[in-house]
PDB file of N, CA and C in Angstrom:
ATOM      1  N   MET A   1       0.831  -1.171   0.000  1.00  0.00           N
ATOM      2  CA  MET A   1       0.000   0.000   0.000  1.00  0.00           C
ATOM      3  C   MET A   1       0.882   1.243   0.000  1.00  0.00           C
ATOM      4  N   THR A   2       0.462   2.228  -0.727  1.00  0.00           N
ATOM      5  CA  THR A   2       1.246   3.453  -0.854  1.00  0.00           C
ATOM      6  C   THR A   2       1.214   4.269   0.441  1.00  0.00           C
ATOM      7  N   LYS A   3       2.159   5.174   0.574  1.00  0.00           N
ATOM      8  CA  LYS A   3       2.186   6.054   1.730  1.00  0.00           C
ATOM      9  C   LYS A   3       1.572   7.413   1.391  1.00  0.00           C
ATOM     10  N   GLN A   4       1.089   7.577   0.164  1.00  0.00           N
ATOM     11  CA  GLN A   4       0.416   8.808  -0.252  1.00  0.00           C
ATOM     12  C   GLN A   4      -0.821   9.020   0.620  1.00  0.00           C
ATOM     13  N   GLU A   5      -1.026  10.262   1.055  1.00  0.00           N
ATOM     14  CA  GLU A   5      -2.216  10.587   1.836  1.00  0.00           C
ATOM     15  C   GLU A   5      -3.416  10.695   0.896  1.00  0.00           C
ATOM     16  N   LEU A   6      -4.485  10.041   1.244  1.00  0.00           N
ATOM     17  CA  LEU A   6      -5.690  10.093   0.432  1.00  0.00           C
ATOM     18  C   LEU A   6      -6.479  11.344   0.788  1.00  0.00           C
ATOM     19  N   THR A   7      -6.685  12.185  -0.211  1.00  0.00           N
ATOM     20  CA  THR A   7      -7.481  13.397  -0.031  1.00  0.00           C
ATOM     21  C   THR A   7      -8.515  13.454  -1.151  1.00  0.00           C
ATOM     22  N   ILE A   8      -9.511  14.289  -0.967  1.00  0.00           N
ATOM     23  CA  ILE A   8     -10.517  14.487  -2.009  1.00  0.00           C
ATOM     24  C   ILE A   8      -9.853  15.063  -3.253  1.00  0.00           C
ATOM     25  N   ALA A   9      -8.969  16.031  -3.068  1.00  0.00           N
ATOM     26  CA  ALA A   9      -8.277  16.635  -4.202  1.00  0.00           C
ATOM     27  C   ALA A   9      -7.463  15.589  -4.977  1.00  0.00           C
ATOM     28  N   TYR A  10      -6.810  14.678  -4.257  1.00  0.00           N
ATOM     29  CA  TYR A  10      -6.023  13.627  -4.907  1.00  0.00           C
ATOM     30  C   TYR A  10      -6.927  12.753  -5.783  1.00  0.00           C
ATOM     31  N   LEU A  11      -8.086  12.356  -5.257  1.00  0.00           N
ATOM     32  CA  LEU A  11      -9.020  11.531  -6.034  1.00  0.00           C
ATOM     33  C   LEU A  11      -9.557  12.294  -7.245  1.00  0.00           C
ATOM     34  N   GLU A  12      -9.889  13.552  -7.055  1.00  0.00           N
ATOM     35  CA  GLU A  12     -10.389  14.353  -8.174  1.00  0.00           C
ATOM     36  C   GLU A  12      -9.323  14.529  -9.244  1.00  0.00           C
ATOM     37  N   ASP A  13      -8.081  14.746  -8.854  1.00  0.00           N
ATOM     38  CA  ASP A  13      -6.977  14.842  -9.815  1.00  0.00           C
ATOM     39  C   ASP A  13      -6.778  13.524 -10.548  1.00  0.00           C
ATOM     40  N   TRP A  14      -6.896  12.428  -9.830  1.00  0.00           N
ATOM     41  CA  TRP A  14      -6.745  11.091 -10.415  1.00  0.00           C
ATOM     42  C   TRP A  14      -7.760  10.894 -11.538  1.00  0.00           C
ATOM     43  N   VAL A  15      -9.010  11.252 -11.277  1.00  0.00           N
ATOM     44  CA  VAL A  15     -10.073  11.102 -12.272  1.00  0.00           C
ATOM     45  C   VAL A  15      -9.877  12.080 -13.427  1.00  0.00           C
ATOM     46  N   ARG A  16      -9.493  13.311 -13.124  1.00  0.00           N
ATOM     47  CA  ARG A  16      -9.243  14.301 -14.180  1.00  0.00           C
ATOM     48  C   ARG A  16      -8.141  13.831 -15.130  1.00  0.00           C
ATOM     49  N   ALA A  17      -7.222  13.044 -14.624  1.00  0.00           N
ATOM     50  CA  ALA A  17      -6.132  12.528 -15.453  1.00  0.00           C
ATOM     51  C   ALA A  17      -6.591  11.352 -16.324  1.00  0.00           C
ATOM     52  N   GLY A  18      -7.846  10.957 -16.175  1.00  0.00           N
ATOM     53  CA  GLY A  18      -8.392   9.883 -17.004  1.00  0.00           C
ATOM     54  C   GLY A  18      -8.396   8.527 -16.337  1.00  0.00           C
ATOM     55  N   ALA A  19      -7.956   8.468 -15.103  1.00  0.00           N
ATOM     56  CA  ALA A  19      -7.917   7.190 -14.386  1.00  0.00           C
ATOM     57  C   ALA A  19      -9.227   6.979 -13.619  1.00  0.00           C
ATOM     58  N   GLN A  20      -9.295   5.884 -12.892  1.00  0.00           N
ATOM     59  CA  GLN A  20     -10.480   5.520 -12.128  1.00  0.00           C
ATOM     60  C   GLN A  20     -10.085   5.161 -10.705  1.00  0.00           C
ATOM     61  N   TRP A  21     -11.061   5.145  -9.828  1.00  0.00           N
ATOM     62  CA  TRP A  21     -10.856   4.624  -8.483  1.00  0.00           C
ATOM     63  C   TRP A  21     -12.124   3.904  -8.076  1.00  0.00           C
ATOM     64  N   ARG A  22     -11.977   2.987  -7.140  1.00  0.00           N
ATOM     65  CA  ARG A  22     -13.157   2.298  -6.610  1.00  0.00           C
ATOM     66  C   ARG A  22     -12.948   1.998  -5.138  1.00  0.00           C
ATOM     67  N   LEU A  23     -14.037   1.974  -4.452  1.00  0.00           N
ATOM     68  CA  LEU A  23     -14.030   1.716  -3.026  1.00  0.00           C
ATOM     69  C   LEU A  23     -13.806   0.230  -2.785  1.00  0.00           C
ATOM     70  N   ALA A  24     -12.775  -0.103  -2.013  1.00  0.00           N
ATOM     71  CA  ALA A  24     -12.468  -1.500  -1.714  1.00  0.00           C
ATOM     72  C   ALA A  24     -13.026  -1.905  -0.354  1.00  0.00           C
ATOM     73  N   GLU A  25     -12.929  -1.014   0.620  1.00  0.00           N
ATOM     74  CA  GLU A  25     -13.427  -1.275   1.973  1.00  0.00           C
ATOM     75  C   GLU A  25     -13.894   0.040   2.571  1.00  0.00           C
ATOM     76  N   ILE A  26     -14.929  -0.051   3.391  1.00  0.00           N
ATOM     77  CA  ILE A  26     -15.353   1.151   4.104  1.00  0.00           C
ATOM     78  C   ILE A  26     -16.026   0.761   5.407  1.00  0.00           C
ATOM     79  N   SER A  27     -15.749   1.549   6.413  1.00  0.00           N
ATOM     80  CA  SER A  27     -16.421   1.418   7.702  1.00  0.00           C
ATOM     81  C   SER A  27     -16.642   2.831   8.209  1.00  0.00           C
ATOM     82  N   ARG A  28     -17.141   2.956   9.373  1.00  0.00           N
ATOM     83  CA  ARG A  28     -17.425   4.287   9.906  1.00  0.00           C
ATOM     84  C   ARG A  28     -16.167   5.155  10.012  1.00  0.00           C
ATOM     85  N   GLY A  29     -15.033   4.556  10.345  1.00  0.00           N
ATOM     86  CA  GLY A  29     -13.828   5.340  10.568  1.00  0.00           C
ATOM     87  C   GLY A  29     -12.648   5.008   9.692  1.00  0.00           C
ATOM     88  N   HIS A  30     -12.881   4.253   8.613  1.00  0.00           N
ATOM     89  CA  HIS A  30     -11.754   3.816   7.780  1.00  0.00           C
ATOM     90  C   HIS A  30     -12.258   3.501   6.377  1.00  0.00           C
ATOM     91  N   ALA A  31     -11.472   3.865   5.374  1.00  0.00           N
ATOM     92  CA  ALA A  31     -11.806   3.525   3.991  1.00  0.00           C
ATOM     93  C   ALA A  31     -10.537   3.143   3.241  1.00  0.00           C
ATOM     94  N   VAL A  32     -10.686   2.210   2.318  1.00  0.00           N
ATOM     95  CA  VAL A  32      -9.602   1.801   1.436  1.00  0.00           C
ATOM     96  C   VAL A  32     -10.113   1.958   0.004  1.00  0.00           C
ATOM     97  N   VAL A  33      -9.333   2.648  -0.808  1.00  0.00           N
ATOM     98  CA  VAL A  33      -9.696   2.923  -2.192  1.00  0.00           C
ATOM     99  C   VAL A  33      -8.648   2.285  -3.096  1.00  0.00           C
ATOM    100  N   GLU A  34      -9.113   1.652  -4.169  1.00  0.00           N
ATOM    101  CA  GLU A  34      -8.208   1.130  -5.190  1.00  0.00           C
ATOM    102  C   GLU A  34      -8.067   2.190  -6.270  1.00  0.00           C
ATOM    103  N   LEU A  35      -6.849   2.570  -6.564  1.00  0.00           N
ATOM    104  CA  LEU A  35      -6.564   3.470  -7.676  1.00  0.00           C
ATOM    105  C   LEU A  35      -6.345   2.586  -8.904  1.00  0.00           C
ATOM    106  N   CYS A  36      -7.036   2.905  -9.988  1.00  0.00           N
ATOM    107  CA  CYS A  36      -7.017   2.050 -11.172  1.00  0.00           C
ATOM    108  C   CYS A  36      -6.633   2.846 -12.414  1.00  0.00           C
ATOM    109  N   THR A  37      -6.179   2.126 -13.428  1.00  0.00           N
ATOM    110  CA  THR A  37      -5.903   2.737 -14.721  1.00  0.00           C
ATOM    111  C   THR A  37      -7.218   3.126 -15.372  1.00  0.00           C
ATOM    112  N   CYS A  38      -7.136   3.751 -16.514  1.00  0.00           N
ATOM    113  CA  CYS A  38      -8.351   4.108 -17.246  1.00  0.00           C
ATOM    114  C   CYS A  38      -9.105   2.866 -17.727  1.00  0.00           C
ATOM    115  N   TYR A  39      -8.439   1.725 -17.721  1.00  0.00           N
ATOM    116  CA  TYR A  39      -9.071   0.467 -18.117  1.00  0.00           C
ATOM    117  C   TYR A  39      -9.630  -0.302 -16.923  1.00  0.00           C
ATOM    118  N   GLY A  40      -9.464   0.248 -15.727  1.00  0.00           N
ATOM    119  CA  GLY A  40     -10.003  -0.381 -14.535  1.00  0.00           C
ATOM    120  C   GLY A  40      -9.059  -1.343 -13.847  1.00  0.00           C
ATOM    121  N   GLU A  41      -7.804  -1.429 -14.299  1.00  0.00           N
ATOM    122  CA  GLU A  41      -6.837  -2.324 -13.667  1.00  0.00           C
ATOM    123  C   GLU A  41      -6.265  -1.661 -12.413  1.00  0.00           C
ATOM    124  N   PRO A  42      -6.299  -2.335 -11.269  1.00  0.00           N
ATOM    125  CA  PRO A  42      -5.773  -1.757 -10.034  1.00  0.00           C
ATOM    126  C   PRO A  42      -4.273  -1.459 -10.137  1.00  0.00           C
ATOM    127  N   VAL A  43      -3.888  -0.286  -9.651  1.00  0.00           N
ATOM    128  CA  VAL A  43      -2.503   0.148  -9.640  1.00  0.00           C
ATOM    129  C   VAL A  43      -1.983   0.205  -8.206  1.00  0.00           C
ATOM    130  N   ASP A  44      -2.835   0.649  -7.298  1.00  0.00           N
ATOM    131  CA  ASP A  44      -2.429   0.843  -5.914  1.00  0.00           C
ATOM    132  C   ASP A  44      -3.669   0.848  -5.032  1.00  0.00           C
ATOM    133  N   ARG A  45      -3.444   0.692  -3.752  1.00  0.00           N
ATOM    134  CA  ARG A  45      -4.506   0.822  -2.748  1.00  0.00           C
ATOM    135  C   ARG A  45      -4.048   1.878  -1.756  1.00  0.00           C
ATOM    136  N   ILE A  46      -4.977   2.709  -1.359  1.00  0.00           N
ATOM    137  CA  ILE A  46      -4.651   3.793  -0.447  1.00  0.00           C
ATOM    138  C   ILE A  46      -5.768   3.890   0.589  1.00  0.00           C
ATOM    139  N   GLU A  47      -5.403   4.213   1.825  1.00  0.00           N
ATOM    140  CA  GLU A  47      -6.404   4.221   2.880  1.00  0.00           C
ATOM    141  C   GLU A  47      -6.447   5.561   3.597  1.00  0.00           C
ATOM    142  N   THR A  48      -7.549   5.755   4.313  1.00  0.00           N
ATOM    143  CA  THR A  48      -7.726   6.996   5.056  1.00  0.00           C
ATOM    144  C   THR A  48      -8.583   6.757   6.290  1.00  0.00           C
ATOM    145  N   THR A  49      -8.383   7.613   7.267  1.00  0.00           N
ATOM    146  CA  THR A  49      -9.255   7.660   8.439  1.00  0.00           C
ATOM    147  C   THR A  49      -9.871   9.053   8.562  1.00  0.00           C
ATOM    148  N   ALA A  50      -9.637   9.900   7.570  1.00  0.00           N
ATOM    149  CA  ALA A  50     -10.164  11.267   7.575  1.00  0.00           C
ATOM    150  C   ALA A  50     -11.672  11.249   7.315  1.00  0.00           C
ATOM    151  N   PRO A  51     -12.464  11.746   8.254  1.00  0.00           N
ATOM    152  CA  PRO A  51     -13.932  11.693   8.111  1.00  0.00           C
ATOM    153  C   PRO A  51     -14.458  12.340   6.831  1.00  0.00           C
ATOM    154  N   GLN A  52     -13.895  13.474   6.419  1.00  0.00           N
ATOM    155  CA  GLN A  52     -14.400  14.142   5.219  1.00  0.00           C
ATOM    156  C   GLN A  52     -14.116  13.320   3.962  1.00  0.00           C
ATOM    157  N   VAL A  53     -13.000  12.623   3.918  1.00  0.00           N
ATOM    158  CA  VAL A  53     -12.675  11.778   2.759  1.00  0.00           C
ATOM    159  C   VAL A  53     -13.562  10.535   2.764  1.00  0.00           C
ATOM    160  N   ILE A  54     -13.795   9.954   3.925  1.00  0.00           N
ATOM    161  CA  ILE A  54     -14.681   8.793   4.028  1.00  0.00           C
ATOM    162  C   ILE A  54     -16.082   9.164   3.547  1.00  0.00           C
ATOM    163  N   ASP A  55     -16.592  10.311   3.964  1.00  0.00           N
ATOM    164  CA  ASP A  55     -17.903  10.769   3.492  1.00  0.00           C
ATOM    165  C   ASP A  55     -17.906  10.945   1.984  1.00  0.00           C
ATOM    166  N   TYR A  56     -16.831  11.498   1.452  1.00  0.00           N
ATOM    167  CA  TYR A  56     -16.736  11.718   0.006  1.00  0.00           C
ATOM    168  C   TYR A  56     -16.768  10.398  -0.765  1.00  0.00           C
ATOM    169  N   VAL A  57     -15.931   9.446  -0.378  1.00  0.00           N
ATOM    170  CA  VAL A  57     -15.886   8.187  -1.146  1.00  0.00           C
ATOM    171  C   VAL A  57     -17.173   7.377  -0.964  1.00  0.00           C
ATOM    172  N   ARG A  58     -17.846   7.584   0.152  1.00  0.00           N
ATOM    173  CA  ARG A  58     -19.118   6.888   0.393  1.00  0.00           C
ATOM    174  C   ARG A  58     -20.205   7.405  -0.551  1.00  0.00           C
ATOM    175  N   THR A  59     -20.161   8.700  -0.887  1.00  0.00           N
ATOM    176  CA  THR A  59     -21.240   9.298  -1.649  1.00  0.00           C
ATOM    177  C   THR A  59     -20.851   9.718  -3.070  1.00  0.00           C
ATOM    178  N   ALA A  60     -19.588   9.674  -3.417  1.00  0.00           N
ATOM    179  CA  ALA A  60     -19.142  10.117  -4.736  1.00  0.00           C
ATOM    180  C   ALA A  60     -19.779   9.272  -5.835  1.00  0.00           C
ATOM    181  N   GLU A  61     -20.138   9.933  -6.909  1.00  0.00           N
ATOM    182  CA  GLU A  61     -20.757   9.240  -8.038  1.00  0.00           C
ATOM    183  C   GLU A  61     -19.730   8.723  -9.036  1.00  0.00           C
ATOM    184  N   CYS A  62     -18.504   9.184  -8.924  1.00  0.00           N
ATOM    185  CA  CYS A  62     -17.476   8.798  -9.890  1.00  0.00           C
ATOM    186  C   CYS A  62     -16.691   7.609  -9.384  1.00  0.00           C
ATOM    187  N   GLN A  63     -17.290   6.442  -9.449  1.00  0.00           N
ATOM    188  CA  GLN A  63     -16.647   5.203  -9.061  1.00  0.00           C
ATOM    189  C   GLN A  63     -16.872   4.184 -10.173  1.00  0.00           C
ATOM    190  N   PRO A  64     -16.214   4.355 -11.303  1.00  0.00           N
ATOM    191  CA  PRO A  64     -16.433   3.433 -12.427  1.00  0.00           C
ATOM    192  C   PRO A  64     -16.172   1.990 -12.027  1.00  0.00           C
ATOM    193  N   ASP A  65     -16.949   1.088 -12.620  1.00  0.00           N
ATOM    194  CA  ASP A  65     -16.779  -0.357 -12.364  1.00  0.00           C
ATOM    195  C   ASP A  65     -15.922  -0.991 -13.414  1.00  0.00           C
TER     196      ASP A  65
END
């Protein structure tokens, strides 16, 4: 797992670059997101305990399958 901090801006930049992300795990205080290529192939997994990021990934509409 990467040491990059997961932020909303990071996810938005990832998508703007043409890539995808998907939620791998989520609980009330923890989330794990898979960062994927534009073809949906996983590249990395990144996690967060930041409440605002957890809320974002829980409700974001941009989670291509």
